Structure formats: structure tokens, C-alpha cells
All heavy atoms as atom14 arrays in JSON, in Angstrom:
{
  "sequence": "MASQMGDIAESALKRRMGVKDSSALIPGHGGLFDRFDGLLGAS",
  "atom14_mask": [
    [1, 1, 1, 1, 1, 1, 1, 1, 0, 0, 0, 0, 0, 0],
    [1, 1, 1, 1, 1, 0, 0, 0, 0, 0, 0, 0, 0, 0],
    [1, 1, 1, 1, 1, 1, 0, 0, 0, 0, 0, 0, 0, 0],
    [1, 1, 1, 1, 1, 1, 1, 1, 1, 0, 0, 0, 0, 0],
    [1, 1, 1, 1, 1, 1, 1, 1, 0, 0, 0, 0, 0, 0],
    [1, 1, 1, 1, 0, 0, 0, 0, 0, 0, 0, 0, 0, 0],
    [1, 1, 1, 1, 1, 1, 1, 1, 0, 0, 0, 0, 0, 0],
    [1, 1, 1, 1, 1, 1, 1, 1, 0, 0, 0, 0, 0, 0],
    [1, 1, 1, 1, 1, 0, 0, 0, 0, 0, 0, 0, 0, 0],
    [1, 1, 1, 1, 1, 1, 1, 1, 1, 0, 0, 0, 0, 0],
    [1, 1, 1, 1, 1, 1, 0, 0, 0, 0, 0, 0, 0, 0],
    [1, 1, 1, 1, 1, 0, 0, 0, 0, 0, 0, 0, 0, 0],
    [1, 1, 1, 1, 1, 1, 1, 1, 0, 0, 0, 0, 0, 0],
    [1, 1, 1, 1, 1, 1, 1, 1, 1, 0, 0, 0, 0, 0],
    [1, 1, 1, 1, 1, 1, 1, 1, 1, 1, 1, 0, 0, 0],
    [1, 1, 1, 1, 1, 1, 1, 1, 1, 1, 1, 0, 0, 0],
    [1, 1, 1, 1, 1, 1, 1, 1, 0, 0, 0, 0, 0, 0],
    [1, 1, 1, 1, 0, 0, 0, 0, 0, 0, 0, 0, 0, 0],
    [1, 1, 1, 1, 1, 1, 1, 0, 0, 0, 0, 0, 0, 0],
    [1, 1, 1, 1, 1, 1, 1, 1, 1, 0, 0, 0, 0, 0],
    [1, 1, 1, 1, 1, 1, 1, 1, 0, 0, 0, 0, 0, 0],
    [1, 1, 1, 1, 1, 1, 0, 0, 0, 0, 0, 0, 0, 0],
    [1, 1, 1, 1, 1, 1, 0, 0, 0, 0, 0, 0, 0, 0],
    [1, 1, 1, 1, 1, 0, 0, 0, 0, 0, 0, 0, 0, 0],
    [1, 1, 1, 1, 1, 1, 1, 1, 0, 0, 0, 0, 0, 0],
    [1, 1, 1, 1, 1, 1, 1, 1, 0, 0, 0, 0, 0, 0],
    [1, 1, 1, 1, 1, 1, 1, 0, 0, 0, 0, 0, 0, 0],
    [1, 1, 1, 1, 0, 0, 0, 0, 0, 0, 0, 0, 0, 0],
    [1, 1, 1, 1, 1, 1, 1, 1, 1, 1, 0, 0, 0, 0],
    [1, 1, 1, 1, 0, 0, 0, 0, 0, 0, 0, 0, 0, 0],
    [1, 1, 1, 1, 0, 0, 0, 0, 0, 0, 0, 0, 0, 0],
    [1, 1, 1, 1, 1, 1, 1, 1, 0, 0, 0, 0, 0, 0],
    [1, 1, 1, 1, 1, 1, 1, 1, 1, 1, 1, 0, 0, 0],
    [1, 1, 1, 1, 1, 1, 1, 1, 0, 0, 0, 0, 0, 0],
    [1, 1, 1, 1, 1, 1, 1, 1, 1, 1, 1, 0, 0, 0],
    [1, 1, 1, 1, 1, 1, 1, 1, 1, 1, 1, 0, 0, 0],
    [1, 1, 1, 1, 1, 1, 1, 1, 0, 0, 0, 0, 0, 0],
    [1, 1, 1, 1, 0, 0, 0, 0, 0, 0, 0, 0, 0, 0],
    [1, 1, 1, 1, 1, 1, 1, 1, 0, 0, 0, 0, 0, 0],
    [1, 1, 1, 1, 1, 1, 1, 1, 0, 0, 0, 0, 0, 0],
    [1, 1, 1, 1, 0, 0, 0, 0, 0, 0, 0, 0, 0, 0],
    [1, 1, 1, 1, 1, 0, 0, 0, 0, 0, 0, 0, 0, 0],
    [1, 1, 1, 1, 1, 1, 0, 0, 0, 0, 0, 0, 0, 0]
  ],
  "atom14_positions": [
    [[-24.82, 20.14, 32.4], [-23.52, 19.56, 32.73], [-23.34, 18.2, 32.05], [-22.26, 17.88, 31.54], [-23.38, 19.4, 34.24], [-23.4, 20.68, 35.02], [-23.25, 20.35, 36.8], [-23.75, 21.95, 37.48], [0.0, 0.0, 0.0], [0.0, 0.0, 0.0], [0.0, 0.0, 0.0], [0.0, 0.0, 0.0], [0.0, 0.0, 0.0], [0.0, 0.0, 0.0]],
    [[-24.41, 17.4, 32.05], [-24.34, 16.09, 31.4], [-24.08, 16.24, 29.91], [-23.32, 15.47, 29.32], [-25.65, 15.33, 31.64], [0.0, 0.0, 0.0], [0.0, 0.0, 0.0], [0.0, 0.0, 0.0], [0.0, 0.0, 0.0], [0.0, 0.0, 0.0], [0.0, 0.0, 0.0], [0.0, 0.0, 0.0], [0.0, 0.0, 0.0], [0.0, 0.0, 0.0]],
    [[-24.71, 17.23, 29.3], [-24.47, 17.52, 27.89], [-23.0, 17.87, 27.65], [-22.37, 17.39, 26.7], [-25.38, 18.66, 27.44], [-25.01, 19.13, 26.16], [0.0, 0.0, 0.0], [0.0, 0.0, 0.0], [0.0, 0.0, 0.0], [0.0, 0.0, 0.0], [0.0, 0.0, 0.0], [0.0, 0.0, 0.0], [0.0, 0.0, 0.0], [0.0, 0.0, 0.0]],
    [[-22.46, 18.72, 28.52], [-21.06, 19.11, 28.38], [-20.12, 17.93, 28.57], [-19.1, 17.82, 27.9], [-20.74, 20.21, 29.38], [-21.44, 21.53, 29.07], [-21.37, 22.51, 30.22], [-21.13, 22.14, 31.38], [-21.58, 23.79, 29.93], [0.0, 0.0, 0.0], [0.0, 0.0, 0.0], [0.0, 0.0, 0.0], [0.0, 0.0, 0.0], [0.0, 0.0, 0.0]],
    [[-20.48, 17.01, 29.48], [-19.64, 15.83, 29.68], [-19.68, 14.91, 28.46], [-18.69, 14.25, 28.14], [-20.11, 15.08, 30.93], [-19.79, 15.78, 32.24], [-18.01, 16.12, 32.47], [-17.92, 17.86, 31.99], [0.0, 0.0, 0.0], [0.0, 0.0, 0.0], [0.0, 0.0, 0.0], [0.0, 0.0, 0.0], [0.0, 0.0, 0.0], [0.0, 0.0, 0.0]],
    [[-20.83, 14.88, 27.77], [-20.88, 14.12, 26.53], [-19.93, 14.7, 25.49], [-19.23, 13.97, 24.78], [0.0, 0.0, 0.0], [0.0, 0.0, 0.0], [0.0, 0.0, 0.0], [0.0, 0.0, 0.0], [0.0, 0.0, 0.0], [0.0, 0.0, 0.0], [0.0, 0.0, 0.0], [0.0, 0.0, 0.0], [0.0, 0.0, 0.0], [0.0, 0.0, 0.0]],
    [[-19.89, 16.02, 25.42], [-18.97, 16.72, 24.51], [-17.53, 16.45, 24.9], [-16.68, 16.15, 24.04], [-19.28, 18.22, 24.57], [-18.56, 18.99, 23.48], [-17.83, 18.37, 22.68], [-18.73, 20.22, 23.42], [0.0, 0.0, 0.0], [0.0, 0.0, 0.0], [0.0, 0.0, 0.0], [0.0, 0.0, 0.0], [0.0, 0.0, 0.0], [0.0, 0.0, 0.0]],
    [[-17.24, 16.53, 26.2], [-15.88, 16.3, 26.69], [-15.44, 14.86, 26.4], [-14.31, 14.61, 25.98], [-15.81, 16.57, 28.2], [-15.91, 18.07, 28.49], [-14.53, 16.0, 28.79], [-14.71, 18.87, 28.08], [0.0, 0.0, 0.0], [0.0, 0.0, 0.0], [0.0, 0.0, 0.0], [0.0, 0.0, 0.0], [0.0, 0.0, 0.0], [0.0, 0.0, 0.0]],
    [[-16.35, 13.91, 26.6], [-16.01, 12.5, 26.38], [-15.64, 12.27, 24.91], [-14.67, 11.56, 24.61], [-17.18, 11.61, 26.78], [0.0, 0.0, 0.0], [0.0, 0.0, 0.0], [0.0, 0.0, 0.0], [0.0, 0.0, 0.0], [0.0, 0.0, 0.0], [0.0, 0.0, 0.0], [0.0, 0.0, 0.0], [0.0, 0.0, 0.0], [0.0, 0.0, 0.0]],
    [[-16.42, 12.88, 24.0], [-16.1, 12.68, 22.58], [-14.8, 13.38, 22.21], [-14.01, 12.88, 21.4], [-17.23, 13.2, 21.69], [-17.22, 12.59, 20.3], [-17.15, 13.62, 19.19], [-17.18, 14.81, 19.49], [-17.06, 13.21, 18.01], [0.0, 0.0, 0.0], [0.0, 0.0, 0.0], [0.0, 0.0, 0.0], [0.0, 0.0, 0.0], [0.0, 0.0, 0.0]],
    [[-14.52, 14.54, 22.81], [-13.26, 15.24, 22.57], [-12.08, 14.38, 23.04], [-11.06, 14.29, 22.35], [-13.25, 16.59, 23.3], [-14.22, 17.46, 22.77], [0.0, 0.0, 0.0], [0.0, 0.0, 0.0], [0.0, 0.0, 0.0], [0.0, 0.0, 0.0], [0.0, 0.0, 0.0], [0.0, 0.0, 0.0], [0.0, 0.0, 0.0], [0.0, 0.0, 0.0]],
    [[-12.25, 13.75, 24.19], [-11.19, 12.88, 24.7], [-10.97, 11.7, 23.77], [-9.82, 11.29, 23.52], [-11.55, 12.4, 26.1], [0.0, 0.0, 0.0], [0.0, 0.0, 0.0], [0.0, 0.0, 0.0], [0.0, 0.0, 0.0], [0.0, 0.0, 0.0], [0.0, 0.0, 0.0], [0.0, 0.0, 0.0], [0.0, 0.0, 0.0], [0.0, 0.0, 0.0]],
    [[-12.06, 11.15, 23.24], [-11.93, 10.03, 22.31], [-11.19, 10.45, 21.05], [-10.29, 9.73, 20.58], [-13.33, 9.52, 21.95], [-13.39, 8.45, 20.85], [-12.71, 7.17, 21.3], [-14.85, 8.17, 20.46], [0.0, 0.0, 0.0], [0.0, 0.0, 0.0], [0.0, 0.0, 0.0], [0.0, 0.0, 0.0], [0.0, 0.0, 0.0], [0.0, 0.0, 0.0]],
    [[-11.53, 11.61, 20.5], [-10.88, 12.07, 19.27], [-9.39, 12.33, 19.5], [-8.55, 12.01, 18.64], [-11.58, 13.32, 18.74], [-12.95, 13.03, 18.17], [-13.53, 14.21, 17.41], [-13.84, 15.38, 18.33], [-14.53, 16.46, 17.6], [0.0, 0.0, 0.0], [0.0, 0.0, 0.0], [0.0, 0.0, 0.0], [0.0, 0.0, 0.0], [0.0, 0.0, 0.0]],
    [[-9.04, 12.89, 20.64], [-7.63, 13.11, 20.95], [-6.9, 11.78, 21.1], [-5.75, 11.63, 20.67], [-7.48, 13.95, 22.22], [-7.93, 15.4, 22.04], [-7.73, 16.2, 23.32], [-6.32, 16.44, 23.6], [-5.61, 17.43, 23.07], [-6.17, 18.28, 22.22], [-4.35, 17.58, 23.4], [0.0, 0.0, 0.0], [0.0, 0.0, 0.0], [0.0, 0.0, 0.0]],
    [[-7.55, 10.83, 21.72], [-6.94, 9.51, 21.9], [-6.71, 8.82, 20.55], [-5.69, 8.15, 20.35], [-7.84, 8.65, 22.78], [-7.28, 7.27, 23.12], [-8.25, 6.5, 24.0], [-7.77, 5.18, 24.34], [-7.01, 4.88, 25.38], [-6.63, 5.85, 26.2], [-6.63, 3.63, 25.62], [0.0, 0.0, 0.0], [0.0, 0.0, 0.0], [0.0, 0.0, 0.0]],
    [[-7.66, 9.02, 19.62], [-7.55, 8.39, 18.3], [-6.74, 9.24, 17.32], [-6.45, 8.8, 16.21], [-8.94, 8.15, 17.72], [-9.81, 7.18, 18.51], [-9.09, 5.53, 18.64], [-8.61, 5.51, 20.38], [0.0, 0.0, 0.0], [0.0, 0.0, 0.0], [0.0, 0.0, 0.0], [0.0, 0.0, 0.0], [0.0, 0.0, 0.0], [0.0, 0.0, 0.0]],
    [[-6.42, 10.47, 17.7], [-5.63, 11.34, 16.83], [-6.37, 11.86, 15.62], [-5.78, 12.03, 14.55], [0.0, 0.0, 0.0], [0.0, 0.0, 0.0], [0.0, 0.0, 0.0], [0.0, 0.0, 0.0], [0.0, 0.0, 0.0], [0.0, 0.0, 0.0], [0.0, 0.0, 0.0], [0.0, 0.0, 0.0], [0.0, 0.0, 0.0], [0.0, 0.0, 0.0]],
    [[-7.68, 12.13, 15.8], [-8.49, 12.66, 14.69], [-9.11, 13.99, 15.1], [-9.34, 14.25, 16.29], [-9.59, 11.66, 14.27], [-8.97, 10.37, 13.78], [-10.55, 11.39, 15.42], [0.0, 0.0, 0.0], [0.0, 0.0, 0.0], [0.0, 0.0, 0.0], [0.0, 0.0, 0.0], [0.0, 0.0, 0.0], [0.0, 0.0, 0.0], [0.0, 0.0, 0.0]],
    [[-9.42, 14.81, 14.11], [-10.03, 16.11, 14.38], [-11.55, 15.99, 14.45], [-12.19, 16.63, 15.3], [-9.65, 17.1, 13.28], [-10.24, 18.49, 13.49], [-9.83, 19.44, 12.38], [-10.47, 20.82, 12.59], [-10.12, 21.74, 11.47], [0.0, 0.0, 0.0], [0.0, 0.0, 0.0], [0.0, 0.0, 0.0], [0.0, 0.0, 0.0], [0.0, 0.0, 0.0]],
    [[-12.13, 15.22, 13.55], [-13.58, 15.04, 13.5], [-13.92, 13.56, 13.49], [-13.1, 12.72, 13.1], [-14.17, 15.7, 12.24], [-13.94, 17.21, 12.23], [-14.17, 17.85, 13.27], [-13.53, 17.72, 11.17], [0.0, 0.0, 0.0], [0.0, 0.0, 0.0], [0.0, 0.0, 0.0], [0.0, 0.0, 0.0], [0.0, 0.0, 0.0], [0.0, 0.0, 0.0]],
    [[-15.16, 13.23, 13.88], [-15.58, 11.83, 13.88], [-15.71, 11.29, 12.46], [-15.52, 10.09, 12.21], [-16.9, 11.67, 14.63], [-17.93, 12.44, 14.02], [0.0, 0.0, 0.0], [0.0, 0.0, 0.0], [0.0, 0.0, 0.0], [0.0, 0.0, 0.0], [0.0, 0.0, 0.0], [0.0, 0.0, 0.0], [0.0, 0.0, 0.0], [0.0, 0.0, 0.0]],
    [[-16.03, 12.16, 11.5], [-16.08, 11.8, 10.08], [-16.19, 13.09, 9.28], [-16.14, 14.18, 9.85], [-17.27, 10.87, 9.78], [-18.5, 11.58, 9.79], [0.0, 0.0, 0.0], [0.0, 0.0, 0.0], [0.0, 0.0, 0.0], [0.0, 0.0, 0.0], [0.0, 0.0, 0.0], [0.0, 0.0, 0.0], [0.0, 0.0, 0.0], [0.0, 0.0, 0.0]],
    [[-16.35, 12.95, 7.97], [-16.5, 14.13, 7.1], [-17.88, 14.15, 6.46], [-18.04, 14.69, 5.36], [-15.4, 14.13, 6.04], [0.0, 0.0, 0.0], [0.0, 0.0, 0.0], [0.0, 0.0, 0.0], [0.0, 0.0, 0.0], [0.0, 0.0, 0.0], [0.0, 0.0, 0.0], [0.0, 0.0, 0.0], [0.0, 0.0, 0.0], [0.0, 0.0, 0.0]],
    [[-18.87, 13.58, 7.11], [-20.21, 13.5, 6.53], [-20.84, 14.87, 6.32], [-21.58, 15.09, 5.38], [-21.13, 12.66, 7.43], [-20.9, 11.14, 7.42], [-21.87, 10.46, 8.38], [-21.08, 10.58, 6.01], [0.0, 0.0, 0.0], [0.0, 0.0, 0.0], [0.0, 0.0, 0.0], [0.0, 0.0, 0.0], [0.0, 0.0, 0.0], [0.0, 0.0, 0.0]],
    [[-20.56, 15.8, 7.24], [-21.13, 17.15, 7.15], [-20.0, 18.12, 6.83], [-19.2, 18.45, 7.71], [-21.82, 17.56, 8.47], [-22.74, 16.44, 8.96], [-22.59, 18.85, 8.3], [-23.28, 16.68, 10.36], [0.0, 0.0, 0.0], [0.0, 0.0, 0.0], [0.0, 0.0, 0.0], [0.0, 0.0, 0.0], [0.0, 0.0, 0.0], [0.0, 0.0, 0.0]],
    [[-19.87, 18.56, 5.59], [-18.75, 19.42, 5.21], [-18.61, 20.64, 6.12], [-19.56, 21.39, 6.33], [-19.11, 19.85, 3.77], [-19.98, 18.75, 3.27], [-20.78, 18.29, 4.47], [0.0, 0.0, 0.0], [0.0, 0.0, 0.0], [0.0, 0.0, 0.0], [0.0, 0.0, 0.0], [0.0, 0.0, 0.0], [0.0, 0.0, 0.0], [0.0, 0.0, 0.0]],
    [[-17.43, 20.78, 6.69], [-17.16, 21.91, 7.57], [-17.62, 21.73, 9.0], [-17.33, 22.57, 9.86], [0.0, 0.0, 0.0], [0.0, 0.0, 0.0], [0.0, 0.0, 0.0], [0.0, 0.0, 0.0], [0.0, 0.0, 0.0], [0.0, 0.0, 0.0], [0.0, 0.0, 0.0], [0.0, 0.0, 0.0], [0.0, 0.0, 0.0], [0.0, 0.0, 0.0]],
    [[-18.33, 20.64, 9.27], [-18.86, 20.43, 10.63], [-18.54, 19.05, 11.18], [-18.99, 18.71, 12.27], [-20.38, 20.64, 10.64], [-20.79, 22.04, 10.35], [-20.82, 23.02, 11.33], [-21.17, 22.64, 9.19], [-21.22, 24.16, 10.79], [-21.43, 23.96, 9.5], [0.0, 0.0, 0.0], [0.0, 0.0, 0.0], [0.0, 0.0, 0.0], [0.0, 0.0, 0.0]],
    [[-17.79, 18.24, 10.46], [-17.43, 16.92, 10.96], [-18.51, 15.9, 10.72], [-19.12, 15.85, 9.65], [0.0, 0.0, 0.0], [0.0, 0.0, 0.0], [0.0, 0.0, 0.0], [0.0, 0.0, 0.0], [0.0, 0.0, 0.0], [0.0, 0.0, 0.0], [0.0, 0.0, 0.0], [0.0, 0.0, 0.0], [0.0, 0.0, 0.0], [0.0, 0.0, 0.0]],
    [[-18.77, 15.06, 11.73], [-19.74, 13.99, 11.59], [-20.92, 14.15, 12.53], [-21.01, 15.12, 13.28], [0.0, 0.0, 0.0], [0.0, 0.0, 0.0], [0.0, 0.0, 0.0], [0.0, 0.0, 0.0], [0.0, 0.0, 0.0], [0.0, 0.0, 0.0], [0.0, 0.0, 0.0], [0.0, 0.0, 0.0], [0.0, 0.0, 0.0], [0.0, 0.0, 0.0]],
    [[-21.8, 13.16, 12.51], [-22.96, 13.2, 13.38], [-22.56, 13.08, 14.85], [-23.18, 13.69, 15.72], [-23.94, 12.08, 13.02], [-24.61, 12.18, 11.65], [-25.66, 11.09, 11.5], [-25.24, 13.54, 11.43], [0.0, 0.0, 0.0], [0.0, 0.0, 0.0], [0.0, 0.0, 0.0], [0.0, 0.0, 0.0], [0.0, 0.0, 0.0], [0.0, 0.0, 0.0]],
    [[-21.52, 12.29, 15.13], [-21.04, 12.16, 16.5], [-20.59, 13.52, 17.04], [-20.82, 13.85, 18.21], [-19.89, 11.16, 16.55], [-19.65, 10.55, 17.91], [-18.67, 9.58, 18.08], [-20.39, 10.92, 19.02], [-18.42, 9.01, 19.31], [-20.17, 10.35, 20.27], [-19.17, 9.4, 20.41], [0.0, 0.0, 0.0], [0.0, 0.0, 0.0], [0.0, 0.0, 0.0]],
    [[-19.98, 14.34, 16.21], [-19.54, 15.68, 16.61], [-20.73, 16.58, 16.94], [-20.63, 17.47, 17.78], [-18.71, 16.33, 15.5], [-17.44, 15.55, 15.2], [-16.77, 15.13, 16.15], [-17.15, 15.34, 14.01], [0.0, 0.0, 0.0], [0.0, 0.0, 0.0], [0.0, 0.0, 0.0], [0.0, 0.0, 0.0], [0.0, 0.0, 0.0], [0.0, 0.0, 0.0]],
    [[-21.83, 16.38, 16.26], [-23.0, 17.23, 16.44], [-23.93, 16.75, 17.56], [-24.67, 17.54, 18.13], [-23.8, 17.31, 15.13], [-23.01, 17.84, 13.94], [-22.94, 19.36, 13.91], [-22.16, 19.95, 14.98], [-20.84, 20.08, 14.98], [-20.14, 19.64, 13.96], [-20.22, 20.65, 15.99], [0.0, 0.0, 0.0], [0.0, 0.0, 0.0], [0.0, 0.0, 0.0]],
    [[-23.91, 15.46, 17.85], [-24.86, 14.9, 18.8], [-24.21, 14.4, 20.08], [-24.88, 13.75, 20.89], [-25.65, 13.75, 18.15], [-26.6, 14.2, 17.08], [-26.25, 14.09, 15.73], [-27.83, 14.74, 17.4], [-27.12, 14.51, 14.74], [-28.7, 15.16, 16.4], [-28.35, 15.05, 15.08], [0.0, 0.0, 0.0], [0.0, 0.0, 0.0], [0.0, 0.0, 0.0]],
    [[-22.92, 14.7, 20.3], [-22.26, 14.19, 21.5], [-22.92, 14.74, 22.78], [-23.11, 14.01, 23.75], [-20.76, 14.51, 21.48], [-20.46, 15.97, 21.15], [-21.42, 16.78, 21.03], [-19.28, 16.31, 21.0], [0.0, 0.0, 0.0], [0.0, 0.0, 0.0], [0.0, 0.0, 0.0], [0.0, 0.0, 0.0], [0.0, 0.0, 0.0], [0.0, 0.0, 0.0]],
    [[-23.28, 16.02, 22.75], [-23.94, 16.6, 23.92], [-25.31, 16.0, 24.16], [-25.72, 15.76, 25.3], [0.0, 0.0, 0.0], [0.0, 0.0, 0.0], [0.0, 0.0, 0.0], [0.0, 0.0, 0.0], [0.0, 0.0, 0.0], [0.0, 0.0, 0.0], [0.0, 0.0, 0.0], [0.0, 0.0, 0.0], [0.0, 0.0, 0.0], [0.0, 0.0, 0.0]],
    [[-26.04, 15.72, 23.08], [-27.37, 15.13, 23.2], [-27.27, 13.72, 23.77], [-28.16, 13.28, 24.52], [-28.05, 15.1, 21.83], [-29.52, 14.69, 21.81], [-30.36, 15.63, 22.66], [-30.05, 14.65, 20.38], [0.0, 0.0, 0.0], [0.0, 0.0, 0.0], [0.0, 0.0, 0.0], [0.0, 0.0, 0.0], [0.0, 0.0, 0.0], [0.0, 0.0, 0.0]],
    [[-26.19, 13.0, 23.46], [-26.0, 11.67, 24.0], [-25.84, 11.74, 25.52], [-26.45, 10.96, 26.26], [-24.78, 11.0, 23.37], [-24.85, 10.68, 21.88], [-23.55, 10.05, 21.42], [-26.02, 9.75, 21.58], [0.0, 0.0, 0.0], [0.0, 0.0, 0.0], [0.0, 0.0, 0.0], [0.0, 0.0, 0.0], [0.0, 0.0, 0.0], [0.0, 0.0, 0.0]],
    [[-25.0, 12.66, 25.99], [-24.82, 12.81, 27.42], [-26.11, 13.2, 28.12], [-26.43, 12.68, 29.2], [0.0, 0.0, 0.0], [0.0, 0.0, 0.0], [0.0, 0.0, 0.0], [0.0, 0.0, 0.0], [0.0, 0.0, 0.0], [0.0, 0.0, 0.0], [0.0, 0.0, 0.0], [0.0, 0.0, 0.0], [0.0, 0.0, 0.0], [0.0, 0.0, 0.0]],
    [[-26.88, 14.08, 27.5], [-28.15, 14.51, 28.08], [-29.15, 13.37, 28.12], [-29.92, 13.22, 29.07], [-28.71, 15.69, 27.29], [0.0, 0.0, 0.0], [0.0, 0.0, 0.0], [0.0, 0.0, 0.0], [0.0, 0.0, 0.0], [0.0, 0.0, 0.0], [0.0, 0.0, 0.0], [0.0, 0.0, 0.0], [0.0, 0.0, 0.0], [0.0, 0.0, 0.0]],
    [[-29.17, 12.55, 27.07], [-30.09, 11.42, 27.02], [-29.78, 10.41, 28.11], [-30.69, 9.9, 28.79], [-30.02, 10.73, 25.65], [-30.81, 9.57, 25.6], [0.0, 0.0, 0.0], [0.0, 0.0, 0.0], [0.0, 0.0, 0.0], [0.0, 0.0, 0.0], [0.0, 0.0, 0.0], [0.0, 0.0, 0.0], [0.0, 0.0, 0.0], [0.0, 0.0, 0.0]]
  ]
}
């Protein structure tokens, strides 16, 4: 659940900022924040 809340929190941030991905560092997958948001919540 904590992992999912990390994902939800980042989704809310992106909607607030009006962006689809945190960055374009990983082609087709967004940025590191997009990939590690759940791990942040779990940590």
C-alpha cells in the first residue's frame, strides 16, 4: 500500500504540474522518478 501511495503521490504531482512524465531520460518510460516512485513510498 505504501508503494502504491508513492505512485499515487507522483501521479498527483505530475497532474498538478501538467506533465506526462518526470523527464525523458528513459525513452518510452519517462524518468527515474516515474520508475522509483513506488520504491520511495516503500522506503
